[in-house]
Amino acid sequence: MREIERLRAHSEQLRQTLTATLAALARQRETLAARLRMLAEQQQDVVQQRALAWPQGIVDRRALMLHQRRLMVRREESRQLAEQQRQLEQAMMALEKQQRDALCQWRVWDRKREKYDGWLERQRHAHRLTQLYRQETETEEMMTWNRSRG
């Protein structure tokens, strides 16, 4: 019976751990979503700056080279922001998968706990029946012994 109670306590501890994990994953997902929005805004700013930096009526060759250099820097910034955004989207997808897996695991533990509770109840009932049977048999044996002696 102690083993059964220990298993019940362990099952409850696992359920609490999974609940805490789900909450942490939800918070992490919100954080990643906020970062993703921020990166999208930054990328939009880079696109707007690039549009503003487009030269109008360049006559000087040095000015053209400078403009091309600036353009390369802007492209690199835009590429880096796009890469960060892609990584964040992948992290969001991984986080959602973790949440689904954790929820699935929680449901599995819930079902196992329900099954275990049913098994525990059957074991207790069988134990009670065994005790009653022993008491009856002992009483009958005592009565038989008393009859034979008396």
Protein backbone atom coordinates (compact mmCIF):
# COMPACT_ATOMS: atom_id res chain seq x y z
CA MET A 1 0.00 0.00 0.00
CA ARG A 2 2.90 2.35 0.72
CA GLU A 3 4.21 1.70 -2.77
CA ILE A 4 0.82 2.58 -4.21
CA GLU A 5 0.69 5.84 -2.26
CA ARG A 6 4.25 6.64 -3.32
CA LEU A 7 3.30 6.08 -6.96
CA ARG A 8 0.24 8.29 -6.53
CA ALA A 9 2.38 11.10 -5.09
CA HIS A 10 4.89 10.69 -7.92
CA SER A 11 2.08 10.85 -10.48
CA GLU A 12 0.76 14.06 -8.93
CA GLN A 13 4.27 15.56 -8.91
CA LEU A 14 4.67 14.74 -12.62
CA ARG A 15 1.31 16.34 -13.38
CA GLN A 16 2.35 19.53 -11.57
CA THR A 17 5.68 19.57 -13.40
CA LEU A 18 3.95 19.25 -16.77
CA THR A 19 1.53 22.04 -15.86
CA ALA A 20 4.44 24.32 -14.92
CA THR A 21 6.24 23.39 -18.16
CA LEU A 22 3.17 24.29 -20.22
CA ALA A 23 2.95 27.68 -18.50
CA ALA A 24 6.65 28.36 -19.11
CA LEU A 25 6.33 27.39 -22.76
CA ALA A 26 3.36 29.74 -23.16
CA ARG A 27 5.37 32.63 -21.65
CA GLN A 28 8.33 31.82 -23.91
CA ARG A 29 6.02 31.77 -26.93
CA GLU A 30 4.69 35.24 -26.06
CA THR A 31 8.25 36.56 -25.73
CA LEU A 32 9.25 35.13 -29.10
CA ALA A 33 6.14 36.58 -30.73
CA ALA A 34 7.02 40.03 -29.37
CA ARG A 35 10.59 39.72 -30.69
CA LEU A 36 9.25 38.60 -34.06
CA ARG A 37 7.01 41.68 -34.27
CA MET A 38 9.95 43.91 -33.32
CA LEU A 39 12.15 42.39 -36.04
CA ALA A 40 9.40 42.83 -38.62
CA GLU A 41 9.19 46.51 -37.67
CA GLN A 42 12.98 46.87 -37.95
CA GLN A 43 12.98 45.23 -41.35
CA GLN A 44 10.23 47.61 -42.48
CA ASP A 45 12.38 50.55 -41.27
CA VAL A 46 15.36 49.27 -43.29
CA VAL A 47 13.19 48.98 -46.40
CA GLN A 48 11.93 52.55 -45.92
CA GLN A 49 15.46 53.87 -45.37
CA ARG A 50 16.68 52.14 -48.49
CA ALA A 51 13.88 53.77 -50.49
CA LEU A 52 14.85 57.18 -49.10
CA ALA A 53 18.55 56.62 -49.83
CA TRP A 54 18.01 55.93 -53.53
CA PRO A 55 20.04 58.61 -55.34
CA GLN A 56 18.42 61.06 -57.65
CA GLY A 57 20.53 62.50 -60.45
CA ILE A 58 23.99 61.18 -59.48
CA VAL A 59 26.64 62.87 -61.58
CA ASP A 60 29.83 62.09 -59.67
CA ARG A 61 31.42 58.62 -59.87
CA ARG A 62 32.52 58.77 -56.20
CA ALA A 63 28.98 59.57 -55.14
CA LEU A 64 27.76 56.55 -57.10
CA MET A 65 30.35 54.28 -55.42
CA LEU A 66 29.40 55.64 -52.00
CA HIS A 67 25.74 55.06 -52.77
CA GLN A 68 26.46 51.48 -53.86
CA ARG A 69 28.40 50.87 -50.66
CA ARG A 70 25.50 52.22 -48.59
CA LEU A 71 23.13 50.05 -50.58
CA MET A 72 25.25 46.96 -49.89
CA VAL A 73 25.20 47.76 -46.16
CA ARG A 74 21.41 48.18 -46.25
CA ARG A 75 21.01 44.88 -48.12
CA GLU A 76 23.19 43.13 -45.56
CA GLU A 77 21.15 44.62 -42.70
CA SER A 78 17.95 43.56 -44.41
CA ARG A 79 19.33 40.06 -45.00
CA GLN A 80 20.38 39.76 -41.36
CA LEU A 81 16.98 40.91 -40.16
CA ALA A 82 15.27 38.44 -42.48
CA GLU A 83 17.54 35.68 -41.14
CA GLN A 84 16.72 36.63 -37.55
CA GLN A 85 13.03 36.68 -38.40
CA ARG A 86 13.31 33.23 -40.00
CA GLN A 87 15.12 31.89 -36.93
CA LEU A 88 12.46 33.34 -34.66
CA GLU A 89 9.72 31.78 -36.76
CA GLN A 90 11.48 28.43 -36.51
CA ALA A 91 11.81 28.90 -32.75
CA MET A 92 8.08 29.70 -32.58
CA MET A 93 7.25 26.54 -34.52
CA ALA A 94 9.53 24.48 -32.26
CA LEU A 95 7.91 26.05 -29.21
CA GLU A 96 4.43 25.27 -30.50
CA LYS A 97 5.54 21.68 -31.11
CA GLN A 98 6.91 21.51 -27.55
CA GLN A 99 3.60 22.82 -26.23
CA ARG A 100 1.65 20.24 -28.24
CA ASP A 101 3.97 17.46 -27.04
CA ALA A 102 3.75 18.62 -23.41
CA LEU A 103 -0.03 18.82 -23.62
CA CYS A 104 -0.13 15.36 -25.17
CA GLN A 105 2.17 14.04 -22.44
CA TRP A 106 -0.04 15.66 -19.81
CA ARG A 107 -3.11 13.94 -21.28
CA VAL A 108 -1.26 10.61 -21.33
CA TRP A 109 -0.34 11.04 -17.66
CA ASP A 110 -3.92 12.00 -16.89
CA ARG A 111 -5.18 8.81 -18.55
CA LYS A 112 -2.53 6.74 -16.79
CA ARG A 113 -3.47 8.30 -13.46
CA GLU A 114 -7.16 7.55 -14.06
CA LYS A 115 -6.28 3.97 -14.97
CA TYR A 116 -4.05 3.69 -11.92
CA ASP A 117 -6.78 5.12 -9.66
CA GLY A 118 -9.18 2.44 -10.96
CA TRP A 119 -6.57 -0.25 -10.38
CA LEU A 120 -5.89 1.10 -6.89
CA GLU A 121 -9.60 1.03 -6.06
CA ARG A 122 -9.86 -2.58 -7.27
CA GLN A 123 -6.81 -3.52 -5.18
CA ARG A 124 -8.30 -1.92 -2.07
CA HIS A 125 -11.61 -3.69 -2.65
CA ALA A 126 -9.84 -7.04 -3.12
CA HIS A 127 -7.84 -6.40 0.05
CA ARG A 128 -11.04 -5.64 2.00
CA LEU A 129 -12.67 -8.82 0.68
CA THR A 130 -9.59 -10.85 1.62
CA GLN A 131 -9.63 -9.41 5.14
CA LEU A 132 -13.34 -10.16 5.53
CA TYR A 133 -12.79 -13.71 4.29
CA ARG A 134 -9.91 -14.21 6.74
CA GLN A 135 -12.01 -12.89 9.61
CA GLU A 136 -14.87 -15.22 8.66
CA THR A 137 -12.57 -18.23 8.33
CA GLU A 138 -10.86 -17.46 11.62
CA THR A 139 -14.24 -17.11 13.34
CA GLU A 140 -15.44 -20.41 11.87
CA GLU A 141 -12.20 -22.14 12.87
CA MET A 142 -12.51 -20.81 16.41
CA MET A 143 -16.14 -21.95 16.61
CA THR A 144 -15.20 -25.39 15.27
CA TRP A 145 -12.29 -25.63 17.71
CA ASN A 146 -14.53 -24.54 20.60
CA ARG A 147 -17.16 -27.15 19.62
CA SER A 148 -14.58 -29.89 19.43
CA ARG A 149 -13.15 -28.90 22.81
CA GLY A 150 -16.38 -28.31 24.55
